[in-house]
Amino acid sequence: MKQMIAVGFDVASRSWLTEAPGRAGAGLPRLDGALRIDEQSLAEAGEDFGNLRRTHPLAVLEPGSEKDAVRMIRFARQHGLKIGPRGQGHTAFGQSQVEGGIVIRMTALQAAPVFGPEQVEVSAGMSWRQVLTASLAHGLRPPVLTHNLSLSVGGTLSVGGIDGGSYRYGAQVDNVLALTVVTGEGKVETCSLDQLPELFEAVLAGQGQCGIILRAVLRLIPAQTHTLFFQLLYPDLPTMLNDERMLIADGRFDKISVHILPSAAGGWTYFAQARRDFTPPALPDKEVLLTGLHHVRGFERMASQTYLESADRGAKHFAELTASGRVAHPHPWFDMFVPDSTLDEYAAEIFSILKPSEITSDFPIEFYGFNTAVCRRPLFRVPEEPVAFLNDVMITVPDPEAAVRMYERNRRFFERARQLGGKHYPIGAIPLSPEDWQKHFDPYWEQFASAKRRFDPDRILAPGAGIFQEGPRPAPAGDPNPESC
């Protein structure tokens, strides 16, 4: 398919020009990359992993440098255009889409990692697989990853980032030391807890509302070379959740998660996955690790793997889904943090409604327990209890009509979980109003809204989540000088 690249913008018709603009047109800033307006580029940017919402962006910026992102944000602000970042687009409800605006393909930004003592600075477009591979070469690793290492650093830092080790280290956003950000004003800022902390806190788990991450300085910890992986079968969900509570309290495993899939008999299969890292010749004591657990004896599965193999176990599965075409099916996922005190009540209610026939083997239902005290970023909203659980209901459906029924049910699940003290993890498919967002970010809503007014005064950044739905202010007078960056 022919690629079309914009070279100008017609102010009157608000459309792109593929030839040098005349008197009524506005020239684009000089770009090291390209602004693509061909059908394929626009179609790809108008979808996400959920395959539930499709938007119509005007253009896709494939930046050749960080300066391109800065220049186009300034251009977008000058002309009243929305603009937002897109990593892998692994959201379920259009959060990474930009209707009628410009999508920045962040994965094009790939600078070599810069290592320091127990830290590394990486480009936001890098995948966690790239970060982990480079870090392991130094005997280090990020404390928290994701179960899909192809996701981009900037993407997961915009929502939180959590895995089975979060009970010990918090979310990925809790392990960021500094950021380089371009704001909605087109200003490049370096921020941390000590330097411009208002921006730092507004960007981490801020869903791109106040600034787009260009680079992140990540905390690293010493890495073991191998992992002992356990998969344990359980007779029921309450027994499995009780063991998960015990394991996050005593810390004997490095990562813990529990999973539910439909069984061949038409019911549910319950299994936990736990990992203990080690470096030979030292070996974990399997018997000690399993002491006191209540899994079904005789059905344990154990495997020793390199640390990278264990961390990247999901790669093969996603490759199979992509090859089969099932990755393109609608994914009306539901993701909710639930306080421990109401977890049993919540789980009983949703499993009285969920049917095994609704869950495919593509993705399980999951529960990740964690200690909330290690989650310190204000916009990463978790229940106000010492222990909480992330519940992921990862449904795949065959057609859009079924998807509509599922995300309408997600709304009902959401309301019940919120009554029980829950907070949603904003990667799923839940219809939310501006009032819902205000409740979600309470008591930090005014702090967040203030940062939005300061760093994105014209409300041009990341409209897909619908957090700040008011229309943009009039374009600022004068030329914001897109070349001066």
Protein backbone atom coordinates (compact mmCIF):
# COMPACT_ATOMS: atom_id res chain seq x y z
CA MET A 1 0.00 0.00 0.00
CA LYS A 2 1.29 3.45 -0.94
CA GLN A 3 2.65 5.46 1.93
CA MET A 4 1.56 9.09 2.07
CA ILE A 5 3.57 11.67 3.98
CA ALA A 6 2.23 15.10 4.92
CA VAL A 7 4.33 18.19 4.28
CA GLY A 8 1.81 20.85 5.24
CA PHE A 9 -1.54 21.59 6.86
CA ASP A 10 -4.50 23.38 5.24
CA VAL A 11 -5.80 25.66 7.97
CA ALA A 12 -9.17 26.28 6.32
CA SER A 13 -10.13 22.65 5.63
CA ARG A 14 -8.05 21.30 8.50
CA SER A 15 -6.54 18.65 6.31
CA TRP A 16 -3.00 17.60 5.42
CA LEU A 17 -1.16 18.57 2.27
CA THR A 18 1.20 16.29 0.40
CA GLU A 19 2.66 19.17 -1.58
CA ALA A 20 4.23 22.40 -0.43
CA PRO A 21 1.48 24.56 1.10
CA GLY A 22 0.32 27.76 -0.54
CA ARG A 23 -0.81 30.95 1.12
CA ALA A 24 -3.67 29.28 3.08
CA GLY A 25 -1.53 26.44 4.29
CA ALA A 26 0.83 25.99 7.19
CA GLY A 27 4.14 24.27 6.71
CA LEU A 28 5.11 21.49 9.05
CA PRO A 29 8.11 21.89 11.29
CA ARG A 30 11.27 20.23 10.05
CA LEU A 31 11.09 16.56 11.01
CA ASP A 32 13.78 13.92 11.31
CA GLY A 33 11.09 11.31 10.76
CA ALA A 34 7.79 11.50 8.90
CA LEU A 35 4.14 12.40 9.40
CA ARG A 36 2.22 9.56 7.78
CA ILE A 37 -1.32 9.96 6.47
CA ASP A 38 -1.72 6.78 4.41
CA GLU A 39 -4.70 4.51 5.00
CA GLN A 40 -2.76 1.67 6.60
CA SER A 41 -0.96 3.87 9.12
CA LEU A 42 -4.18 5.61 10.12
CA ALA A 43 -6.10 2.34 10.43
CA GLU A 44 -3.44 0.79 12.67
CA ALA A 45 -3.34 3.85 14.92
CA GLY A 46 -7.15 3.90 15.13
CA GLU A 47 -7.29 0.49 16.81
CA ASP A 48 -5.88 -1.09 19.92
CA PHE A 49 -5.55 -4.54 21.46
CA GLY A 50 -9.15 -4.50 22.69
CA ASN A 51 -10.57 -4.24 19.15
CA LEU A 52 -13.65 -2.60 20.67
CA ARG A 53 -13.28 1.00 19.60
CA ARG A 54 -12.02 2.40 16.30
CA THR A 55 -11.15 6.02 15.84
CA HIS A 56 -10.01 8.10 12.89
CA PRO A 57 -6.75 9.91 13.56
CA LEU A 58 -5.63 12.54 11.10
CA ALA A 59 -1.97 11.53 11.04
CA VAL A 60 0.66 9.29 12.58
CA LEU A 61 4.00 10.75 13.54
CA GLU A 62 6.87 8.33 13.15
CA PRO A 63 9.51 10.34 14.98
CA GLY A 64 13.10 10.19 13.88
CA SER A 65 14.15 11.84 17.14
CA GLU A 66 12.74 13.09 20.42
CA LYS A 67 12.75 16.57 18.91
CA ASP A 68 10.11 15.44 16.41
CA ALA A 69 7.70 14.68 19.24
CA VAL A 70 8.36 18.11 20.73
CA ARG A 71 7.93 19.90 17.39
CA MET A 72 4.63 18.18 16.61
CA ILE A 73 3.20 18.82 20.07
CA ARG A 74 3.93 22.51 19.55
CA PHE A 75 2.40 22.36 16.08
CA ALA A 76 -0.68 20.56 17.43
CA ARG A 77 -1.12 23.15 20.14
CA GLN A 78 -0.78 26.01 17.65
CA HIS A 79 -3.51 24.54 15.43
CA GLY A 80 -5.84 23.13 18.07
CA LEU A 81 -5.17 19.47 17.29
CA LYS A 82 -5.26 16.61 19.75
CA ILE A 83 -2.12 14.50 20.05
CA GLY A 84 -1.11 11.45 22.04
CA PRO A 85 1.50 8.70 22.42
CA ARG A 86 1.09 5.08 21.39
CA GLY A 87 3.46 2.29 22.35
CA GLN A 88 2.14 -1.18 21.59
CA GLY A 89 -1.49 -0.05 21.88
CA HIS A 90 -2.11 -2.75 24.50
CA THR A 91 -5.23 -1.09 25.87
CA ALA A 92 -8.74 -2.48 25.69
CA PHE A 93 -10.99 0.55 25.25
CA GLY A 94 -9.34 3.12 23.01
CA GLN A 95 -7.14 4.68 25.69
CA SER A 96 -4.19 4.99 23.25
CA GLN A 97 -6.28 6.35 20.37
CA VAL A 98 -6.61 9.97 19.21
CA GLU A 99 -9.80 10.75 17.33
CA GLY A 100 -9.25 13.52 14.78
CA GLY A 101 -5.69 14.16 15.90
CA ILE A 102 -2.09 12.98 15.74
CA VAL A 103 -0.78 9.69 17.11
CA ILE A 104 2.92 9.55 18.01
CA ARG A 105 4.40 6.11 17.35
CA MET A 106 6.66 5.99 20.39
CA THR A 107 8.27 2.65 19.51
CA ALA A 108 10.28 4.52 16.86
CA LEU A 109 12.27 6.18 19.67
CA GLN A 110 15.07 3.75 20.45
CA ALA A 111 18.22 5.13 22.07
CA ALA A 112 20.86 2.89 23.63
CA PRO A 113 20.33 2.38 27.39
CA VAL A 114 22.62 4.37 29.66
CA PHE A 115 23.59 2.49 32.82
CA GLY A 116 24.58 3.96 36.15
CA PRO A 117 24.94 2.45 39.62
CA GLU A 118 21.82 0.27 40.00
CA GLN A 119 19.89 2.32 37.47
CA VAL A 120 19.40 2.70 33.73
CA GLU A 121 18.03 5.46 31.50
CA VAL A 122 15.94 4.13 28.60
CA SER A 123 13.78 5.50 25.81
CA ALA A 124 10.04 5.35 26.41
CA GLY A 125 9.57 3.43 23.17
CA MET A 126 11.77 0.53 24.27
CA SER A 127 10.10 -2.73 25.21
CA TRP A 128 10.57 -4.24 28.64
CA ARG A 129 12.17 -7.20 26.90
CA GLN A 130 14.87 -4.90 25.55
CA VAL A 131 15.34 -3.30 28.96
CA LEU A 132 15.56 -6.64 30.74
CA THR A 133 17.97 -8.17 28.21
CA ALA A 134 20.31 -5.18 28.44
CA SER A 135 20.09 -5.09 32.24
CA LEU A 136 20.82 -8.79 32.70
CA ALA A 137 24.07 -8.28 30.82
CA HIS A 138 25.08 -6.07 33.79
CA GLY A 139 23.81 -8.58 36.37
CA LEU A 140 20.80 -6.36 37.13
CA ARG A 141 17.07 -6.30 36.47
CA PRO A 142 14.02 -4.06 36.96
CA PRO A 143 12.24 -4.98 40.21
CA VAL A 144 8.86 -5.23 38.46
CA LEU A 145 8.12 -6.32 34.90
CA THR A 146 4.91 -7.23 33.11
CA HIS A 147 3.81 -10.63 31.87
CA ASN A 148 4.00 -9.32 28.31
CA LEU A 149 7.54 -8.05 27.85
CA SER A 150 6.79 -6.63 24.41
CA LEU A 151 4.97 -3.70 26.05
CA SER A 152 6.71 -0.34 25.96
CA VAL A 153 8.26 1.39 28.95
CA GLY A 154 6.29 4.59 28.40
CA GLY A 155 3.04 2.68 27.96
CA THR A 156 3.12 0.78 31.23
CA LEU A 157 4.52 3.71 33.21
CA SER A 158 1.50 5.70 32.03
CA VAL A 159 -0.86 3.29 33.82
CA GLY A 160 1.17 1.64 36.59
CA GLY A 161 2.70 -1.69 35.59
CA ILE A 162 2.26 -4.70 37.85
CA ASP A 163 3.40 -8.31 38.05
CA GLY A 164 3.64 -11.17 40.51
CA GLY A 165 6.52 -9.45 42.32
CA SER A 166 4.57 -6.26 43.01
CA TYR A 167 3.66 -7.50 46.49
CA ARG A 168 7.30 -6.78 47.38
CA TYR A 169 8.34 -3.90 45.09
CA GLY A 170 5.12 -2.08 44.22
CA ALA A 171 4.21 -1.14 40.67
CA GLN A 172 6.66 -0.20 37.93
CA VAL A 173 5.86 3.46 38.60
CA ASP A 174 7.18 3.01 42.14
CA ASN A 175 10.59 2.13 40.74
CA VAL A 176 11.18 5.18 38.55
CA LEU A 177 13.89 7.62 39.63
CA ALA A 178 13.44 10.37 37.04
CA LEU A 179 11.69 11.18 33.77
CA THR A 180 12.30 13.31 30.71
CA VAL A 181 8.92 14.54 29.57
CA VAL A 182 7.48 16.79 26.88
CA THR A 183 4.44 18.65 28.23
CA GLY A 184 1.33 19.81 26.41
CA GLU A 185 3.01 23.20 26.09
CA GLY A 186 5.79 21.59 24.08
CA LYS A 187 8.36 22.06 26.82
CA VAL A 188 10.93 19.38 27.60
CA GLU A 189 11.29 18.90 31.34
CA THR A 190 13.34 16.62 33.55
CA CYS A 191 11.43 15.69 36.68
CA SER A 192 11.77 13.55 39.78
CA LEU A 193 10.70 13.64 43.41
CA ASP A 194 13.32 16.37 43.94
CA GLN A 195 12.92 18.28 40.67
CA LEU A 196 9.51 19.41 39.45
CA PRO A 197 7.72 16.77 41.56
CA GLU A 198 4.25 17.97 40.52
CA LEU A 199 4.96 16.89 36.93
CA PHE A 200 6.69 13.68 38.00
CA GLU A 201 3.67 12.58 40.05
CA ALA A 202 1.21 13.67 37.35
CA VAL A 203 2.93 11.67 34.61
CA LEU A 204 3.49 8.36 36.42
CA ALA A 205 0.17 6.49 36.11
CA GLY A 206 -1.25 9.74 34.66
CA GLN A 207 -2.21 8.19 31.31
CA GLY A 208 -0.41 10.81 29.25
CA GLN A 209 -2.62 13.65 30.46
CA CYS A 210 0.10 16.10 31.52
CA GLY A 211 3.12 15.00 29.53
CA ILE A 212 4.51 12.37 27.20
CA ILE A 213 7.41 10.35 28.55
CA LEU A 214 10.50 10.51 26.34
CA ARG A 215 12.97 8.80 28.68
CA ALA A 216 12.85 7.15 32.09
CA VAL A 217 15.53 6.45 34.68
CA LEU A 218 14.64 3.08 36.22
CA ARG A 219 15.82 1.56 39.46
CA LEU A 220 17.56 -1.79 39.07
CA ILE A 221 18.29 -4.56 41.56
CA PRO A 222 20.76 -7.47 41.46
CA ALA A 223 19.52 -10.29 39.24
CA GLN A 224 19.74 -14.00 39.81
CA THR A 225 20.53 -16.11 36.75
CA HIS A 226 17.81 -18.75 37.07
CA THR A 227 14.25 -19.28 38.28
CA LEU A 228 12.53 -22.31 39.76
CA PHE A 229 8.98 -22.19 38.42
CA PHE A 230 6.05 -23.91 40.20
CA GLN A 231 2.52 -24.50 38.97
CA LEU A 232 0.20 -25.78 41.72
CA LEU A 233 -3.32 -27.14 41.28
CA TYR A 234 -5.99 -26.16 43.83
CA PRO A 235 -9.37 -27.63 44.73
CA ASP A 236 -11.18 -24.28 44.89
CA LEU A 237 -10.72 -20.52 44.78
CA PRO A 238 -10.95 -19.73 48.54
CA THR A 239 -8.21 -22.25 49.34
CA MET A 240 -6.00 -20.83 46.62
CA LEU A 241 -6.54 -17.21 47.68
CA ASN A 242 -5.75 -18.09 51.30
CA ASP A 243 -2.44 -19.62 50.22
CA GLU A 244 -1.70 -16.52 48.16
CA ARG A 245 -2.30 -14.38 51.24
CA MET A 246 0.14 -16.51 53.21
CA LEU A 247 2.79 -16.34 50.47
CA ILE A 248 2.72 -12.57 50.13
CA ALA A 249 2.98 -12.32 53.91
CA ASP A 250 6.01 -14.60 54.29
CA GLY A 251 7.76 -13.69 51.01
CA ARG A 252 9.19 -17.13 50.27
CA PHE A 253 8.60 -16.73 46.51
CA ASP A 254 9.77 -13.88 44.30
CA LYS A 255 6.60 -13.83 42.20
CA ILE A 256 3.12 -15.15 42.95
CA SER A 257 -0.13 -15.13 40.96
CA VAL A 258 -3.25 -17.27 40.83
CA HIS A 259 -5.24 -18.22 37.75
CA ILE A 260 -8.60 -19.70 36.81
CA LEU A 261 -9.49 -21.37 33.52
CA PRO A 262 -12.49 -23.45 32.40
CA SER A 263 -12.09 -27.16 32.99
CA ALA A 264 -12.80 -29.96 30.54
CA ALA A 265 -15.71 -31.03 32.78
CA GLY A 266 -17.44 -27.67 32.40
CA GLY A 267 -16.38 -26.14 35.69
CA TRP A 268 -13.26 -24.24 36.70
CA THR A 269 -9.60 -25.19 37.10
CA TYR A 270 -7.67 -23.31 39.78
CA PHE A 271 -3.89 -23.06 39.73
CA ALA A 272 -1.20 -20.85 41.22
CA GLN A 273 2.12 -19.92 39.67
CA ALA A 274 5.08 -19.10 41.89
CA ARG A 275 8.73 -18.43 41.13
CA ARG A 276 11.87 -18.46 43.21
CA ASP A 277 15.01 -16.94 41.70
CA PHE A 278 18.46 -18.43 42.29
CA THR A 279 22.00 -18.58 40.94
CA PRO A 280 23.71 -22.00 40.71
CA PRO A 281 25.27 -23.76 42.45
CA ALA A 282 22.88 -22.56 45.17
CA LEU A 283 19.52 -24.28 44.72
CA PRO A 284 16.15 -23.54 46.34
CA ASP A 285 14.77 -26.18 48.67
CA LYS A 286 11.58 -27.34 46.96
CA GLU A 287 10.16 -28.99 50.05
CA VAL A 288 10.65 -25.89 52.17
CA LEU A 289 9.04 -23.69 49.52
CA LEU A 290 5.92 -25.88 49.42
CA THR A 291 5.62 -26.34 53.19
CA GLY A 292 2.22 -25.42 54.59
CA LEU A 293 0.51 -24.94 51.21
CA HIS A 294 -2.84 -26.55 50.49
CA HIS A 295 -2.56 -27.42 46.80
CA VAL A 296 -3.57 -30.80 45.41
CA ARG A 297 -0.61 -33.08 46.09
CA GLY A 298 0.86 -35.07 43.25
CA PHE A 299 -0.06 -32.55 40.53
CA GLU A 300 2.79 -30.09 41.03
CA ARG A 301 4.66 -28.93 37.95
CA MET A 302 8.18 -27.59 38.39
CA ALA A 303 10.74 -26.32 35.91
CA SER A 304 14.13 -24.66 36.15
CA GLN A 305 14.72 -21.91 33.61
CA THR A 306 17.04 -19.01 33.01
CA TYR A 307 15.71 -15.78 34.48
CA LEU A 308 15.01 -14.36 31.01
CA GLU A 309 13.15 -17.49 29.89
CA SER A 310 10.98 -17.38 32.98
CA ALA A 311 10.25 -13.66 32.70
CA ASP A 312 9.38 -14.00 29.02
CA ARG A 313 7.15 -17.06 29.28
CA GLY A 314 4.28 -15.16 27.67
CA ALA A 315 6.12 -14.51 24.39
CA LYS A 316 5.35 -17.90 22.88
CA HIS A 317 1.70 -17.66 23.85
CA PHE A 318 1.26 -14.22 22.26
CA ALA A 319 3.05 -15.42 19.13
CA GLU A 320 0.59 -18.30 18.85
CA LEU A 321 -2.39 -15.98 19.29
CA THR A 322 -1.02 -13.67 16.61
CA ALA A 323 -0.34 -16.52 14.18
CA SER A 324 -3.86 -17.93 14.66
CA GLY A 325 -5.52 -14.53 14.25
CA ARG A 326 -7.19 -14.74 17.66
CA VAL A 327 -5.26 -11.73 18.88
CA ALA A 328 -7.47 -9.65 16.55
CA HIS A 329 -10.69 -10.72 18.31
CA PRO A 330 -12.39 -8.26 20.67
CA HIS A 331 -10.99 -8.29 24.22
CA PRO A 332 -13.44 -6.63 26.65
CA TRP A 333 -11.12 -7.06 29.63
CA PHE A 334 -12.02 -6.13 33.19
CA ASP A 335 -9.29 -5.07 35.64
CA MET A 336 -10.02 -4.09 39.22
CA PHE A 337 -8.12 -3.69 42.49
CA VAL A 338 -10.16 -5.12 45.37
CA PRO A 339 -9.38 -4.77 49.11
CA ASP A 340 -8.59 -8.00 50.91
CA SER A 341 -11.39 -7.52 53.45
CA THR A 342 -14.06 -7.76 50.73
CA LEU A 343 -12.24 -10.02 48.27
CA ASP A 344 -14.08 -13.22 49.17
CA GLU A 345 -17.47 -11.53 48.87
CA TYR A 346 -16.45 -9.94 45.56
CA ALA A 347 -15.06 -13.19 44.11
CA ALA A 348 -18.15 -15.16 45.08
CA GLU A 349 -20.39 -12.62 43.39
CA ILE A 350 -18.52 -12.43 40.08
CA PHE A 351 -18.15 -16.21 39.87
CA SER A 352 -21.88 -16.57 40.40
CA ILE A 353 -22.25 -14.61 37.15
CA LEU A 354 -19.23 -15.65 35.08
CA LYS A 355 -19.65 -18.82 33.06
CA PRO A 356 -16.78 -21.14 32.12
CA SER A 357 -17.99 -21.04 28.52
CA GLU A 358 -17.19 -17.30 28.41
CA ILE A 359 -13.50 -17.79 29.17
CA THR A 360 -11.26 -19.20 26.47
CA SER A 361 -7.86 -20.79 26.89
CA ASP A 362 -6.32 -17.63 25.42
CA PHE A 363 -6.24 -15.78 28.74
CA PRO A 364 -7.19 -16.81 32.29
CA ILE A 365 -8.90 -14.99 35.11
CA GLU A 366 -6.15 -13.81 37.48
CA PHE A 367 -5.63 -12.50 41.01
CA TYR A 368 -2.43 -10.72 42.07
CA GLY A 369 -2.12 -10.01 45.77
CA PHE A 370 0.13 -7.18 46.98
CA ASN A 371 0.94 -4.99 49.95
CA THR A 372 -0.43 -1.52 49.26
CA ALA A 373 2.22 0.21 51.40
CA VAL A 374 4.78 -0.34 48.63
CA CYS A 375 2.57 1.53 46.12
CA ARG A 376 3.56 5.15 46.60
CA ARG A 377 2.62 7.04 43.42
CA PRO A 378 -0.57 9.03 44.09
CA LEU A 379 -2.23 8.48 40.71
CA PHE A 380 -1.76 4.71 40.90
CA ARG A 381 -4.97 4.24 42.84
CA VAL A 382 -5.30 1.17 45.03
CA PRO A 383 -7.68 0.33 47.91
CA GLU A 384 -6.98 1.88 51.29
CA GLU A 385 -6.13 -1.37 53.06
CA PRO A 386 -2.80 -3.06 53.83
CA VAL A 387 -3.44 -5.84 51.28
CA ALA A 388 -5.32 -5.71 47.99
CA PHE A 389 -5.72 -7.91 44.93
CA LEU A 390 -5.74 -7.08 41.25
CA ASN A 391 -8.43 -9.10 39.52
CA ASP A 392 -8.11 -9.51 35.75
CA VAL A 393 -11.03 -11.02 33.85
CA MET A 394 -9.49 -11.37 30.40
CA ILE A 395 -12.34 -12.32 28.10
CA THR A 396 -11.97 -12.89 24.37
CA VAL A 397 -15.18 -12.83 22.32
CA PRO A 398 -15.83 -13.66 18.67
CA ASP A 399 -17.77 -10.59 17.56
CA PRO A 400 -18.54 -6.94 18.45
CA GLU A 401 -22.10 -7.71 19.64
CA ALA A 402 -20.79 -10.07 22.30
CA ALA A 403 -18.19 -7.45 23.22
CA VAL A 404 -20.88 -4.85 23.89
CA ARG A 405 -22.63 -7.21 26.29
CA MET A 406 -19.35 -7.88 28.06
CA TYR A 407 -18.30 -4.28 28.62
CA GLU A 408 -21.80 -3.40 29.76
CA ARG A 409 -21.44 -6.18 32.31
CA ASN A 410 -17.98 -4.84 33.15
CA ARG A 411 -19.70 -1.65 34.19
CA ARG A 412 -21.91 -3.57 36.60
CA PHE A 413 -18.89 -5.44 38.00
CA PHE A 414 -17.10 -2.10 38.35
CA GLU A 415 -19.92 -0.50 40.31
CA ARG A 416 -20.13 -3.44 42.70
CA ALA A 417 -16.36 -3.56 43.20
CA ARG A 418 -16.32 0.18 43.87
CA GLN A 419 -19.01 -0.28 46.52
CA LEU A 420 -16.68 -2.83 48.14
CA GLY A 421 -13.79 -0.35 48.21
CA GLY A 422 -12.23 -1.24 44.87
CA LYS A 423 -10.30 0.88 42.38
CA HIS A 424 -10.02 0.10 38.68
CA TYR A 425 -6.78 -0.47 36.83
CA PRO A 426 -7.26 1.71 33.74
CA ILE A 427 -6.25 -0.71 30.98
CA GLY A 428 -9.57 -2.53 30.62
CA ALA A 429 -12.91 -1.96 28.93
CA ILE A 430 -15.14 -0.13 31.39
CA PRO A 431 -17.36 2.76 30.25
CA LEU A 432 -16.48 5.66 32.57
CA SER A 433 -17.80 9.18 32.96
CA PRO A 434 -15.80 12.26 34.05
CA GLU A 435 -17.46 11.86 37.45
CA ASP A 436 -16.17 8.29 37.65
CA TRP A 437 -12.66 9.55 37.01
CA GLN A 438 -12.96 12.18 39.73
CA LYS A 439 -14.02 9.52 42.22
CA HIS A 440 -11.24 7.24 41.03
CA PHE A 441 -8.51 9.81 41.65
CA ASP A 442 -9.96 11.09 44.93
CA PRO A 443 -8.34 12.55 47.07
CA TYR A 444 -5.79 13.53 44.40
CA TRP A 445 -8.26 14.77 41.78
CA GLU A 446 -7.67 18.48 42.40
CA GLN A 447 -3.91 17.90 42.39
CA PHE A 448 -4.21 16.06 39.07
CA ALA A 449 -6.53 18.69 37.56
CA SER A 450 -4.15 21.45 38.64
CA ALA A 451 -1.26 19.68 36.93
CA LYS A 452 -3.37 19.33 33.79
CA ARG A 453 -4.07 23.05 33.75
CA ARG A 454 -0.40 23.85 34.28
CA PHE A 455 1.27 21.41 31.91
CA ASP A 456 -1.42 20.93 29.24
CA PRO A 457 -3.40 24.18 29.36
CA ASP A 458 -5.04 23.62 25.97
CA ARG A 459 -6.01 20.02 26.73
CA ILE A 460 -4.45 18.54 23.62
CA LEU A 461 -2.79 15.46 25.17
CA ALA A 462 -4.05 11.87 25.19
CA PRO A 463 -7.83 12.27 24.82
CA GLY A 464 -8.50 8.54 24.47
CA ALA A 465 -9.06 7.84 28.16
CA GLY A 466 -11.73 10.56 28.41
CA ILE A 467 -10.50 11.82 31.80
CA PHE A 468 -10.67 15.52 30.95
CA GLN A 469 -13.40 15.71 28.35
CA GLU A 470 -13.84 19.46 28.01
CA GLY A 471 -12.99 20.82 24.60
CA PRO A 472 -9.67 22.47 23.89
CA ARG A 473 -9.18 26.15 24.55
CA PRO A 474 -8.62 28.45 21.57
CA ALA A 475 -5.20 28.02 20.02
CA PRO A 476 -2.64 30.33 21.60
CA ALA A 477 -1.85 33.47 19.67
CA GLY A 478 1.44 33.61 17.82
CA ASP A 479 3.80 30.93 16.61
CA PRO A 480 5.16 28.71 19.43
CA ASN A 481 8.30 28.36 17.28
CA PRO A 482 8.37 24.60 16.62
CA GLU A 483 12.03 24.73 15.55
CA SER A 484 13.37 25.95 18.89
CA CYS A 485 13.82 22.65 20.69
